[in-house]
Amino acid sequence: MPSLSELIRRLDELDDDGTLFAARPWSAGSDAACAVEDHESKEAVEAGMTYLLEVSMAQEVVETWGAWHGGRTPSTTEAVRAVIYYAEHETYPPG
């Protein structure tokens, strides 16, 4: 099973219609899944994961982080932190 860090690193390769799920407490090392179909979502929940964010929204969070940091591409760690922050607070992390 991939970690949340692995999925965030491959975010641009994931289906835009997908939903990210991860085991709590959310961290870079949390087990994670990208679900596109309802049965995949059910499997993720049955594996102990909770809804984190839609893939398209996670992509937007990472893009916004970059825009707020002079166009710099975030490291995987920075991207994971930004996505988790958004999922927990429903707002972008402070610049």
PDB file of N, CA and C in Angstrom:
ATOM      1  N   MET A   1       0.849  -1.174   0.000  1.00  0.00           N
ATOM      2  CA  MET A   1       0.000   0.000   0.000  1.00  0.00           C
ATOM      3  C   MET A   1       0.897   1.241   0.000  1.00  0.00           C
ATOM      4  N   PRO A   2       0.577   2.205  -0.849  1.00  0.00           N
ATOM      5  CA  PRO A   2       1.419   3.406  -0.906  1.00  0.00           C
ATOM      6  C   PRO A   2       1.229   4.301   0.325  1.00  0.00           C
ATOM      7  N   SER A   3       2.214   5.114   0.576  1.00  0.00           N
ATOM      8  CA  SER A   3       2.099   6.115   1.643  1.00  0.00           C
ATOM      9  C   SER A   3       1.479   7.378   1.050  1.00  0.00           C
ATOM     10  N   LEU A   4       1.018   8.248   1.924  1.00  0.00           N
ATOM     11  CA  LEU A   4       0.475   9.519   1.465  1.00  0.00           C
ATOM     12  C   LEU A   4       1.550  10.297   0.708  1.00  0.00           C
ATOM     13  N   SER A   5       2.759  10.252   1.183  1.00  0.00           N
ATOM     14  CA  SER A   5       3.871  10.929   0.520  1.00  0.00           C
ATOM     15  C   SER A   5       4.035  10.423  -0.917  1.00  0.00           C
ATOM     16  N   GLU A   6       3.946   9.114  -1.113  1.00  0.00           N
ATOM     17  CA  GLU A   6       4.083   8.542  -2.454  1.00  0.00           C
ATOM     18  C   GLU A   6       2.963   9.026  -3.373  1.00  0.00           C
ATOM     19  N   LEU A   7       1.737   9.080  -2.857  1.00  0.00           N
ATOM     20  CA  LEU A   7       0.630   9.549  -3.694  1.00  0.00           C
ATOM     21  C   LEU A   7       0.763  11.028  -4.029  1.00  0.00           C
ATOM     22  N   ILE A   8       1.173  11.839  -3.068  1.00  0.00           N
ATOM     23  CA  ILE A   8       1.345  13.269  -3.321  1.00  0.00           C
ATOM     24  C   ILE A   8       2.472  13.481  -4.328  1.00  0.00           C
ATOM     25  N   ARG A   9       3.527  12.696  -4.241  1.00  0.00           N
ATOM     26  CA  ARG A   9       4.641  12.796  -5.194  1.00  0.00           C
ATOM     27  C   ARG A   9       4.152  12.511  -6.615  1.00  0.00           C
ATOM     28  N   ARG A  10       3.160  11.634  -6.748  1.00  0.00           N
ATOM     29  CA  ARG A  10       2.620  11.243  -8.062  1.00  0.00           C
ATOM     30  C   ARG A  10       1.289  11.922  -8.365  1.00  0.00           C
ATOM     31  N   LEU A  11       0.980  12.993  -7.694  1.00  0.00           N
ATOM     32  CA  LEU A  11      -0.327  13.642  -7.782  1.00  0.00           C
ATOM     33  C   LEU A  11      -0.755  13.927  -9.224  1.00  0.00           C
ATOM     34  N   ASP A  12       0.172  14.382 -10.051  1.00  0.00           N
ATOM     35  CA  ASP A  12      -0.167  14.704 -11.435  1.00  0.00           C
ATOM     36  C   ASP A  12      -0.483  13.466 -12.268  1.00  0.00           C
ATOM     37  N   GLU A  13      -0.107  12.289 -11.789  1.00  0.00           N
ATOM     38  CA  GLU A  13      -0.385  11.042 -12.500  1.00  0.00           C
ATOM     39  C   GLU A  13      -1.732  10.441 -12.096  1.00  0.00           C
ATOM     40  N   LEU A  14      -2.314  10.920 -10.994  1.00  0.00           N
ATOM     41  CA  LEU A  14      -3.564  10.357 -10.494  1.00  0.00           C
ATOM     42  C   LEU A  14      -4.755  10.895 -11.266  1.00  0.00           C
ATOM     43  N   ASP A  15      -5.817  10.133 -11.280  1.00  0.00           N
ATOM     44  CA  ASP A  15      -7.055  10.522 -11.951  1.00  0.00           C
ATOM     45  C   ASP A  15      -7.626  11.766 -11.273  1.00  0.00           C
ATOM     46  N   ASP A  16      -7.911  12.799 -12.067  1.00  0.00           N
ATOM     47  CA  ASP A  16      -8.470  14.038 -11.521  1.00  0.00           C
ATOM     48  C   ASP A  16      -9.795  13.816 -10.807  1.00  0.00           C
ATOM     49  N   ASP A  17     -10.496  12.758 -11.160  1.00  0.00           N
ATOM     50  CA  ASP A  17     -11.780  12.446 -10.530  1.00  0.00           C
ATOM     51  C   ASP A  17     -11.613  11.605  -9.265  1.00  0.00           C
ATOM     52  N   GLY A  18     -10.372  11.310  -8.900  1.00  0.00           N
ATOM     53  CA  GLY A  18     -10.105  10.473  -7.740  1.00  0.00           C
ATOM     54  C   GLY A  18     -10.252  11.208  -6.424  1.00  0.00           C
ATOM     55  N   THR A  19     -10.319  10.434  -5.375  1.00  0.00           N
ATOM     56  CA  THR A  19     -10.400  10.945  -4.011  1.00  0.00           C
ATOM     57  C   THR A  19      -9.281  10.307  -3.206  1.00  0.00           C
ATOM     58  N   LEU A  20      -8.581  11.126  -2.437  1.00  0.00           N
ATOM     59  CA  LEU A  20      -7.512  10.620  -1.580  1.00  0.00           C
ATOM     60  C   LEU A  20      -8.066  10.225  -0.216  1.00  0.00           C
ATOM     61  N   PHE A  21      -7.654   9.065   0.242  1.00  0.00           N
ATOM     62  CA  PHE A  21      -7.961   8.574   1.572  1.00  0.00           C
ATOM     63  C   PHE A  21      -6.631   8.275   2.250  1.00  0.00           C
ATOM     64  N   ALA A  22      -6.575   8.459   3.566  1.00  0.00           N
ATOM     65  CA  ALA A  22      -5.344   8.156   4.300  1.00  0.00           C
ATOM     66  C   ALA A  22      -5.681   7.762   5.731  1.00  0.00           C
ATOM     67  N   ALA A  23      -4.792   6.955   6.299  1.00  0.00           N
ATOM     68  CA  ALA A  23      -4.949   6.526   7.687  1.00  0.00           C
ATOM     69  C   ALA A  23      -4.570   7.677   8.613  1.00  0.00           C
ATOM     70  N   ARG A  24      -5.344   7.834   9.666  1.00  0.00           N
ATOM     71  CA  ARG A  24      -5.068   8.859  10.681  1.00  0.00           C
ATOM     72  C   ARG A  24      -4.132   8.310  11.730  1.00  0.00           C
ATOM     73  N   PRO A  25      -3.358   9.127  12.360  1.00  0.00           N
ATOM     74  CA  PRO A  25      -3.222  10.562  12.128  1.00  0.00           C
ATOM     75  C   PRO A  25      -2.501  10.790  10.802  1.00  0.00           C
ATOM     76  N   TRP A  26      -3.005  11.742  10.024  1.00  0.00           N
ATOM     77  CA  TRP A  26      -2.436  11.999   8.711  1.00  0.00           C
ATOM     78  C   TRP A  26      -1.005  12.475   8.829  1.00  0.00           C
ATOM     79  N   SER A  27      -0.148  11.840   8.047  1.00  0.00           N
ATOM     80  CA  SER A  27       1.261  12.218   7.971  1.00  0.00           C
ATOM     81  C   SER A  27       1.800  11.715   6.641  1.00  0.00           C
ATOM     82  N   ALA A  28       3.015  12.088   6.326  1.00  0.00           N
ATOM     83  CA  ALA A  28       3.628  11.648   5.075  1.00  0.00           C
ATOM     84  C   ALA A  28       3.676  10.126   4.971  1.00  0.00           C
ATOM     85  N   GLY A  29       3.850   9.452   6.108  1.00  0.00           N
ATOM     86  CA  GLY A  29       3.966   7.995   6.115  1.00  0.00           C
ATOM     87  C   GLY A  29       2.665   7.239   6.242  1.00  0.00           C
ATOM     88  N   SER A  30       1.549   7.943   6.335  1.00  0.00           N
ATOM     89  CA  SER A  30       0.246   7.269   6.463  1.00  0.00           C
ATOM     90  C   SER A  30      -0.031   6.394   5.251  1.00  0.00           C
ATOM     91  N   ASP A  31      -0.614   5.208   5.496  1.00  0.00           N
ATOM     92  CA  ASP A  31      -1.114   4.405   4.387  1.00  0.00           C
ATOM     93  C   ASP A  31      -2.157   5.233   3.666  1.00  0.00           C
ATOM     94  N   ALA A  32      -2.159   5.163   2.338  1.00  0.00           N
ATOM     95  CA  ALA A  32      -3.071   6.004   1.571  1.00  0.00           C
ATOM     96  C   ALA A  32      -3.570   5.274   0.334  1.00  0.00           C
ATOM     97  N   ALA A  33      -4.650   5.796  -0.222  1.00  0.00           N
ATOM     98  CA  ALA A  33      -5.227   5.236  -1.438  1.00  0.00           C
ATOM     99  C   ALA A  33      -5.884   6.350  -2.232  1.00  0.00           C
ATOM    100  N   CYS A  34      -5.928   6.147  -3.533  1.00  0.00           N
ATOM    101  CA  CYS A  34      -6.672   7.037  -4.418  1.00  0.00           C
ATOM    102  C   CYS A  34      -7.827   6.215  -4.969  1.00  0.00           C
ATOM    103  N   ALA A  35      -9.037   6.636  -4.661  1.00  0.00           N
ATOM    104  CA  ALA A  35     -10.228   5.906  -5.075  1.00  0.00           C
ATOM    105  C   ALA A  35     -10.957   6.683  -6.165  1.00  0.00           C
ATOM    106  N   VAL A  36     -11.320   5.981  -7.229  1.00  0.00           N
ATOM    107  CA  VAL A  36     -12.076   6.595  -8.304  1.00  0.00           C
ATOM    108  C   VAL A  36     -13.503   6.037  -8.302  1.00  0.00           C
ATOM    109  N   GLU A  37     -13.628   4.783  -8.031  1.00  0.00           N
ATOM    110  CA  GLU A  37     -14.928   4.116  -8.011  1.00  0.00           C
ATOM    111  C   GLU A  37     -15.428   3.988  -6.570  1.00  0.00           C
ATOM    112  N   ASP A  38     -16.747   3.870  -6.417  1.00  0.00           N
ATOM    113  CA  ASP A  38     -17.337   3.732  -5.084  1.00  0.00           C
ATOM    114  C   ASP A  38     -16.775   2.537  -4.329  1.00  0.00           C
ATOM    115  N   HIS A  39     -16.575   1.420  -5.030  1.00  0.00           N
ATOM    116  CA  HIS A  39     -16.056   0.241  -4.333  1.00  0.00           C
ATOM    117  C   HIS A  39     -14.635   0.468  -3.832  1.00  0.00           C
ATOM    118  N   GLU A  40     -13.854   1.299  -4.544  1.00  0.00           N
ATOM    119  CA  GLU A  40     -12.501   1.621  -4.077  1.00  0.00           C
ATOM    120  C   GLU A  40     -12.560   2.480  -2.815  1.00  0.00           C
ATOM    121  N   SER A  41     -13.510   3.399  -2.764  1.00  0.00           N
ATOM    122  CA  SER A  41     -13.692   4.224  -1.565  1.00  0.00           C
ATOM    123  C   SER A  41     -14.061   3.343  -0.386  1.00  0.00           C
ATOM    124  N   LYS A  42     -14.958   2.407  -0.620  1.00  0.00           N
ATOM    125  CA  LYS A  42     -15.392   1.490   0.444  1.00  0.00           C
ATOM    126  C   LYS A  42     -14.206   0.662   0.944  1.00  0.00           C
ATOM    127  N   GLU A  43     -13.382   0.192   0.023  1.00  0.00           N
ATOM    128  CA  GLU A  43     -12.210  -0.600   0.409  1.00  0.00           C
ATOM    129  C   GLU A  43     -11.237   0.230   1.254  1.00  0.00           C
ATOM    130  N   ALA A  44     -11.055   1.490   0.888  1.00  0.00           N
ATOM    131  CA  ALA A  44     -10.156   2.365   1.646  1.00  0.00           C
ATOM    132  C   ALA A  44     -10.671   2.559   3.066  1.00  0.00           C
ATOM    133  N   VAL A  45     -11.977   2.785   3.197  1.00  0.00           N
ATOM    134  CA  VAL A  45     -12.567   2.970   4.527  1.00  0.00           C
ATOM    135  C   VAL A  45     -12.466   1.677   5.331  1.00  0.00           C
ATOM    136  N   GLU A  46     -12.722   0.559   4.680  1.00  0.00           N
ATOM    137  CA  GLU A  46     -12.612  -0.733   5.373  1.00  0.00           C
ATOM    138  C   GLU A  46     -11.183  -1.021   5.817  1.00  0.00           C
ATOM    139  N   ALA A  47     -10.205  -0.442   5.121  1.00  0.00           N
ATOM    140  CA  ALA A  47      -8.791  -0.611   5.484  1.00  0.00           C
ATOM    141  C   ALA A  47      -8.370   0.375   6.575  1.00  0.00           C
ATOM    142  N   GLY A  48      -9.319   1.162   7.102  1.00  0.00           N
ATOM    143  CA  GLY A  48      -9.027   2.057   8.206  1.00  0.00           C
ATOM    144  C   GLY A  48      -8.645   3.467   7.798  1.00  0.00           C
ATOM    145  N   MET A  49      -8.868   3.808   6.545  1.00  0.00           N
ATOM    146  CA  MET A  49      -8.526   5.145   6.072  1.00  0.00           C
ATOM    147  C   MET A  49      -9.753   6.046   6.112  1.00  0.00           C
ATOM    148  N   THR A  50      -9.506   7.342   6.137  1.00  0.00           N
ATOM    149  CA  THR A  50     -10.586   8.319   6.105  1.00  0.00           C
ATOM    150  C   THR A  50     -10.383   9.247   4.907  1.00  0.00           C
ATOM    151  N   TYR A  51     -11.459   9.874   4.511  1.00  0.00           N
ATOM    152  CA  TYR A  51     -11.416  10.844   3.419  1.00  0.00           C
ATOM    153  C   TYR A  51     -10.410  11.937   3.747  1.00  0.00           C
ATOM    154  N   LEU A  52      -9.581  12.262   2.780  1.00  0.00           N
ATOM    155  CA  LEU A  52      -8.622  13.354   2.944  1.00  0.00           C
ATOM    156  C   LEU A  52      -9.017  14.535   2.046  1.00  0.00           C
ATOM    157  N   LEU A  53      -9.033  14.321   0.732  1.00  0.00           N
ATOM    158  CA  LEU A  53      -9.304  15.410  -0.208  1.00  0.00           C
ATOM    159  C   LEU A  53      -9.454  14.828  -1.614  1.00  0.00           C
ATOM    160  N   GLU A  54     -10.179  15.529  -2.471  1.00  0.00           N
ATOM    161  CA  GLU A  54     -10.244  15.130  -3.866  1.00  0.00           C
ATOM    162  C   GLU A  54      -8.881  15.398  -4.513  1.00  0.00           C
ATOM    163  N   VAL A  55      -8.525  14.581  -5.480  1.00  0.00           N
ATOM    164  CA  VAL A  55      -7.245  14.749  -6.172  1.00  0.00           C
ATOM    165  C   VAL A  55      -7.159  16.137  -6.797  1.00  0.00           C
ATOM    166  N   SER A  56      -8.213  16.578  -7.458  1.00  0.00           N
ATOM    167  CA  SER A  56      -8.187  17.890  -8.116  1.00  0.00           C
ATOM    168  C   SER A  56      -7.950  19.012  -7.104  1.00  0.00           C
ATOM    169  N   MET A  57      -8.525  18.898  -5.917  1.00  0.00           N
ATOM    170  CA  MET A  57      -8.324  19.924  -4.893  1.00  0.00           C
ATOM    171  C   MET A  57      -6.902  19.851  -4.348  1.00  0.00           C
ATOM    172  N   ALA A  58      -6.380  18.648  -4.164  1.00  0.00           N
ATOM    173  CA  ALA A  58      -4.994  18.497  -3.704  1.00  0.00           C
ATOM    174  C   ALA A  58      -4.036  19.112  -4.719  1.00  0.00           C
ATOM    175  N   GLN A  59      -4.307  18.923  -6.010  1.00  0.00           N
ATOM    176  CA  GLN A  59      -3.475  19.531  -7.051  1.00  0.00           C
ATOM    177  C   GLN A  59      -3.530  21.054  -6.955  1.00  0.00           C
ATOM    178  N   GLU A  60      -4.736  21.588  -6.715  1.00  0.00           N
ATOM    179  CA  GLU A  60      -4.891  23.042  -6.580  1.00  0.00           C
ATOM    180  C   GLU A  60      -4.137  23.575  -5.363  1.00  0.00           C
ATOM    181  N   VAL A  61      -4.176  22.833  -4.267  1.00  0.00           N
ATOM    182  CA  VAL A  61      -3.453  23.238  -3.057  1.00  0.00           C
ATOM    183  C   VAL A  61      -1.957  23.325  -3.345  1.00  0.00           C
ATOM    184  N   VAL A  62      -1.420  22.320  -4.028  1.00  0.00           N
ATOM    185  CA  VAL A  62       0.011  22.301  -4.342  1.00  0.00           C
ATOM    186  C   VAL A  62       0.364  23.443  -5.304  1.00  0.00           C
ATOM    187  N   GLU A  63      -0.484  23.677  -6.299  1.00  0.00           N
ATOM    188  CA  GLU A  63      -0.243  24.780  -7.236  1.00  0.00           C
ATOM    189  C   GLU A  63      -0.287  26.133  -6.521  1.00  0.00           C
ATOM    190  N   THR A  64      -1.250  26.297  -5.623  1.00  0.00           N
ATOM    191  CA  THR A  64      -1.366  27.550  -4.873  1.00  0.00           C
ATOM    192  C   THR A  64      -0.149  27.746  -3.976  1.00  0.00           C
ATOM    193  N   TRP A  65       0.308  26.685  -3.333  1.00  0.00           N
ATOM    194  CA  TRP A  65       1.515  26.771  -2.503  1.00  0.00           C
ATOM    195  C   TRP A  65       2.666  27.318  -3.350  1.00  0.00           C
ATOM    196  N   GLY A  66       2.829  26.768  -4.562  1.00  0.00           N
ATOM    197  CA  GLY A  66       3.898  27.220  -5.439  1.00  0.00           C
ATOM    198  C   GLY A  66       3.757  28.686  -5.814  1.00  0.00           C
ATOM    199  N   ALA A  67       2.537  29.101  -6.129  1.00  0.00           N
ATOM    200  CA  ALA A  67       2.295  30.502  -6.492  1.00  0.00           C
ATOM    201  C   ALA A  67       2.615  31.430  -5.332  1.00  0.00           C
ATOM    202  N   TRP A  68       2.314  31.003  -4.121  1.00  0.00           N
ATOM    203  CA  TRP A  68       2.565  31.820  -2.933  1.00  0.00           C
ATOM    204  C   TRP A  68       4.033  31.807  -2.521  1.00  0.00           C
ATOM    205  N   HIS A  69       4.822  30.960  -3.153  1.00  0.00           N
ATOM    206  CA  HIS A  69       6.243  30.865  -2.830  1.00  0.00           C
ATOM    207  C   HIS A  69       7.094  31.160  -4.071  1.00  0.00           C
ATOM    208  N   GLY A  70       6.686  32.189  -4.795  1.00  0.00           N
ATOM    209  CA  GLY A  70       7.478  32.669  -5.918  1.00  0.00           C
ATOM    210  C   GLY A  70       7.594  31.723  -7.093  1.00  0.00           C
ATOM    211  N   GLY A  71       6.622  30.833  -7.255  1.00  0.00           N
ATOM    212  CA  GLY A  71       6.654  29.897  -8.370  1.00  0.00           C
ATOM    213  C   GLY A  71       7.489  28.662  -8.121  1.00  0.00           C
ATOM    214  N   ARG A  72       8.010  28.539  -6.916  1.00  0.00           N
ATOM    215  CA  ARG A  72       8.835  27.375  -6.565  1.00  0.00           C
ATOM    216  C   ARG A  72       7.979  26.128  -6.462  1.00  0.00           C
ATOM    217  N   THR A  73       8.481  25.016  -6.934  1.00  0.00           N
ATOM    218  CA  THR A  73       7.803  23.734  -6.779  1.00  0.00           C
ATOM    219  C   THR A  73       8.077  23.215  -5.365  1.00  0.00           C
ATOM    220  N   PRO A  74       7.020  22.867  -4.620  1.00  0.00           N
ATOM    221  CA  PRO A  74       7.248  22.390  -3.263  1.00  0.00           C
ATOM    222  C   PRO A  74       7.917  21.020  -3.256  1.00  0.00           C
ATOM    223  N   SER A  75       8.686  20.783  -2.220  1.00  0.00           N
ATOM    224  CA  SER A  75       9.211  19.426  -2.021  1.00  0.00           C
ATOM    225  C   SER A  75       8.024  18.527  -1.697  1.00  0.00           C
ATOM    226  N   THR A  76       8.224  17.244  -1.739  1.00  0.00           N
ATOM    227  CA  THR A  76       7.140  16.322  -1.387  1.00  0.00           C
ATOM    228  C   THR A  76       6.676  16.583   0.040  1.00  0.00           C
ATOM    229  N   THR A  77       7.598  16.815   0.948  1.00  0.00           N
ATOM    230  CA  THR A  77       7.240  17.086   2.343  1.00  0.00           C
ATOM    231  C   THR A  77       6.391  18.341   2.451  1.00  0.00           C
ATOM    232  N   GLU A  78       6.781  19.404   1.751  1.00  0.00           N
ATOM    233  CA  GLU A  78       6.009  20.647   1.774  1.00  0.00           C
ATOM    234  C   GLU A  78       4.624  20.449   1.168  1.00  0.00           C
ATOM    235  N   ALA A  79       4.550  19.682   0.089  1.00  0.00           N
ATOM    236  CA  ALA A  79       3.266  19.426  -0.562  1.00  0.00           C
ATOM    237  C   ALA A  79       2.344  18.611   0.350  1.00  0.00           C
ATOM    238  N   VAL A  80       2.894  17.603   1.011  1.00  0.00           N
ATOM    239  CA  VAL A  80       2.095  16.789   1.931  1.00  0.00           C
ATOM    240  C   VAL A  80       1.573  17.668   3.070  1.00  0.00           C
ATOM    241  N   ARG A  81       2.434  18.484   3.644  1.00  0.00           N
ATOM    242  CA  ARG A  81       2.011  19.370   4.732  1.00  0.00           C
ATOM    243  C   ARG A  81       0.903  20.311   4.282  1.00  0.00           C
ATOM    244  N   ALA A  82       1.026  20.863   3.072  1.00  0.00           N
ATOM    245  CA  ALA A  82       0.010  21.787   2.552  1.00  0.00           C
ATOM    246  C   ALA A  82      -1.324  21.079   2.343  1.00  0.00           C
ATOM    247  N   VAL A  83      -1.292  19.878   1.800  1.00  0.00           N
ATOM    248  CA  VAL A  83      -2.526  19.122   1.555  1.00  0.00           C
ATOM    249  C   VAL A  83      -3.195  18.760   2.878  1.00  0.00           C
ATOM    250  N   ILE A  84      -2.416  18.299   3.837  1.00  0.00           N
ATOM    251  CA  ILE A  84      -2.989  17.949   5.146  1.00  0.00           C
ATOM    252  C   ILE A  84      -3.556  19.198   5.812  1.00  0.00           C
ATOM    253  N   TYR A  85      -2.833  20.298   5.744  1.00  0.00           N
ATOM    254  CA  TYR A  85      -3.320  21.546   6.344  1.00  0.00           C
ATOM    255  C   TYR A  85      -4.663  21.915   5.744  1.00  0.00           C
ATOM    256  N   TYR A  86      -4.758  21.868   4.420  1.00  0.00           N
ATOM    257  CA  TYR A  86      -6.017  22.219   3.758  1.00  0.00           C
ATOM    258  C   TYR A  86      -7.132  21.261   4.176  1.00  0.00           C
ATOM    259  N   ALA A  87      -6.826  19.988   4.243  1.00  0.00           N
ATOM    260  CA  ALA A  87      -7.843  18.998   4.628  1.00  0.00           C
ATOM    261  C   ALA A  87      -8.341  19.232   6.053  1.00  0.00           C
ATOM    262  N   GLU A  88      -7.476  19.670   6.931  1.00  0.00           N
ATOM    263  CA  GLU A  88      -7.855  19.886   8.333  1.00  0.00           C
ATOM    264  C   GLU A  88      -8.521  21.235   8.582  1.00  0.00           C
ATOM    265  N   HIS A  89      -8.162  22.249   7.783  1.00  0.00           N
ATOM    266  CA  HIS A  89      -8.616  23.617   8.051  1.00  0.00           C
ATOM    267  C   HIS A  89      -9.517  24.229   6.977  1.00  0.00           C
ATOM    268  N   GLU A  90      -9.646  23.528   5.853  1.00  0.00           N
ATOM    269  CA  GLU A  90     -10.430  24.003   4.716  1.00  0.00           C
ATOM    270  C   GLU A  90      -9.987  25.387   4.252  1.00  0.00           C
ATOM    271  N   THR A  91      -8.716  25.619   4.340  1.00  0.00           N
ATOM    272  CA  THR A  91      -8.105  26.851   3.841  1.00  0.00           C
ATOM    273  C   THR A  91      -6.644  26.550   3.514  1.00  0.00           C
ATOM    274  N   TYR A  92      -6.064  27.399   2.686  1.00  0.00           N
ATOM    275  CA  TYR A  92      -4.665  27.197   2.325  1.00  0.00           C
ATOM    276  C   TYR A  92      -3.764  27.507   3.515  1.00  0.00           C
ATOM    277  N   PRO A  93      -2.633  26.815   3.585  1.00  0.00           N
ATOM    278  CA  PRO A  93      -1.706  27.105   4.685  1.00  0.00           C
ATOM    279  C   PRO A  93      -1.154  28.518   4.555  1.00  0.00           C
ATOM    280  N   PRO A  94      -0.836  29.129   5.679  1.00  0.00           N
ATOM    281  CA  PRO A  94      -0.270  30.481   5.627  1.00  0.00           C
ATOM    282  C   PRO A  94       0.988  30.496   4.771  1.00  0.00           C
ATOM    283  N   GLY A  95       1.143  31.550   3.989  1.00  0.00           N
ATOM    284  CA  GLY A  95       2.278  31.683   3.067  1.00  0.00           C
ATOM    285  C   GLY A  95       3.566  31.796   3.770  1.00  0.00           C
TER     286      GLY A  95
END
